[in-house]
Amino acid sequence: MDSKKYSESVKSIRLLLKSLEEVLNGIKNNKIDQKDIENVRESLLIIKSNARECL
């Protein structure tokens, strides 16, 4: 994996964790933000794409 893809993956994983935390807090408080759900989806797609390139 080249360094650009690695950095992109690390950034995506950090965003994913932050977004998952926000979604879980939203569930806990009965206030889910659609933006957080979209961030989770986007991060997963980037991670998936980068993983495929490594195979």
C-alpha atoms as a PDB file:
ATOM      1  CA  MET A   1       0.000   0.000   0.000  1.00  0.00           C
ATOM      2  CA  ASP A   2       1.462   3.352  -0.934  1.00  0.00           C
ATOM      3  CA  SER A   3       1.745   6.072   1.668  1.00  0.00           C
ATOM      4  CA  LYS A   4      -1.107   8.142   0.197  1.00  0.00           C
ATOM      5  CA  LYS A   5      -3.555   5.223   0.421  1.00  0.00           C
ATOM      6  CA  TYR A   6      -2.284   4.405   3.910  1.00  0.00           C
ATOM      7  CA  SER A   7      -2.854   7.982   5.099  1.00  0.00           C
ATOM      8  CA  GLU A   8      -6.283   8.027   3.468  1.00  0.00           C
ATOM      9  CA  SER A   9      -7.188   4.763   5.194  1.00  0.00           C
ATOM     10  CA  VAL A  10      -6.027   5.974   8.606  1.00  0.00           C
ATOM     11  CA  LYS A  11      -8.015   9.187   8.168  1.00  0.00           C
ATOM     12  CA  SER A  12     -11.080   7.198   7.136  1.00  0.00           C
ATOM     13  CA  ILE A  13     -10.779   4.875  10.122  1.00  0.00           C
ATOM     14  CA  ARG A  14     -10.553   7.860  12.484  1.00  0.00           C
ATOM     15  CA  LEU A  15     -13.616   9.449  10.877  1.00  0.00           C
ATOM     16  CA  LEU A  16     -15.422   6.115  11.074  1.00  0.00           C
ATOM     17  CA  LEU A  17     -14.737   5.762  14.799  1.00  0.00           C
ATOM     18  CA  LYS A  18     -15.796   9.348  15.507  1.00  0.00           C
ATOM     19  CA  SER A  19     -18.944   8.960  13.425  1.00  0.00           C
ATOM     20  CA  LEU A  20     -19.835   5.644  15.059  1.00  0.00           C
ATOM     21  CA  GLU A  21     -19.467   7.280  18.459  1.00  0.00           C
ATOM     22  CA  GLU A  22     -21.774  10.110  17.375  1.00  0.00           C
ATOM     23  CA  VAL A  23     -24.348   7.650  16.007  1.00  0.00           C
ATOM     24  CA  LEU A  24     -24.274   5.645  19.247  1.00  0.00           C
ATOM     25  CA  ASN A  25     -24.651   8.816  21.313  1.00  0.00           C
ATOM     26  CA  GLY A  26     -27.543   9.815  19.077  1.00  0.00           C
ATOM     27  CA  ILE A  27     -29.234   6.459  19.623  1.00  0.00           C
ATOM     28  CA  LYS A  28     -28.711   6.825  23.358  1.00  0.00           C
ATOM     29  CA  ASN A  29     -30.250  10.315  23.327  1.00  0.00           C
ATOM     30  CA  ASN A  30     -32.935   9.512  20.717  1.00  0.00           C
ATOM     31  CA  LYS A  31     -31.411  12.111  18.380  1.00  0.00           C
ATOM     32  CA  ILE A  32     -29.656  10.570  15.381  1.00  0.00           C
ATOM     33  CA  ASP A  33     -27.952  12.904  12.895  1.00  0.00           C
ATOM     34  CA  GLN A  34     -28.158  11.732   9.271  1.00  0.00           C
ATOM     35  CA  LYS A  35     -24.763  13.344   8.558  1.00  0.00           C
ATOM     36  CA  ASP A  36     -23.078  10.995  11.040  1.00  0.00           C
ATOM     37  CA  ILE A  37     -24.682   7.992   9.354  1.00  0.00           C
ATOM     38  CA  GLU A  38     -23.468   9.222   5.950  1.00  0.00           C
ATOM     39  CA  ASN A  39     -19.952   9.694   7.377  1.00  0.00           C
ATOM     40  CA  VAL A  40     -19.972   6.072   8.559  1.00  0.00           C
ATOM     41  CA  ARG A  41     -21.055   4.900   5.119  1.00  0.00           C
ATOM     42  CA  GLU A  42     -18.472   7.045   3.303  1.00  0.00           C
ATOM     43  CA  SER A  43     -15.645   5.898   5.572  1.00  0.00           C
ATOM     44  CA  LEU A  44     -16.547   2.243   5.097  1.00  0.00           C
ATOM     45  CA  LEU A  45     -16.579   2.646   1.314  1.00  0.00           C
ATOM     46  CA  ILE A  46     -13.127   4.278   1.307  1.00  0.00           C
ATOM     47  CA  ILE A  47     -11.682   1.595   3.591  1.00  0.00           C
ATOM     48  CA  LYS A  48     -13.222  -1.132   1.430  1.00  0.00           C
ATOM     49  CA  SER A  49     -11.827   0.410  -1.751  1.00  0.00           C
ATOM     50  CA  ASN A  50      -8.331   0.724  -0.293  1.00  0.00           C
ATOM     51  CA  ALA A  51      -8.435  -2.848   1.011  1.00  0.00           C
ATOM     52  CA  ARG A  52      -9.351  -4.158  -2.446  1.00  0.00           C
ATOM     53  CA  GLU A  53      -6.382  -2.346  -3.974  1.00  0.00           C
ATOM     54  CA  CYS A  54      -4.077  -4.122  -1.527  1.00  0.00           C
ATOM     55  CA  LEU A  55      -5.236  -7.596  -2.576  1.00  0.00           C
END
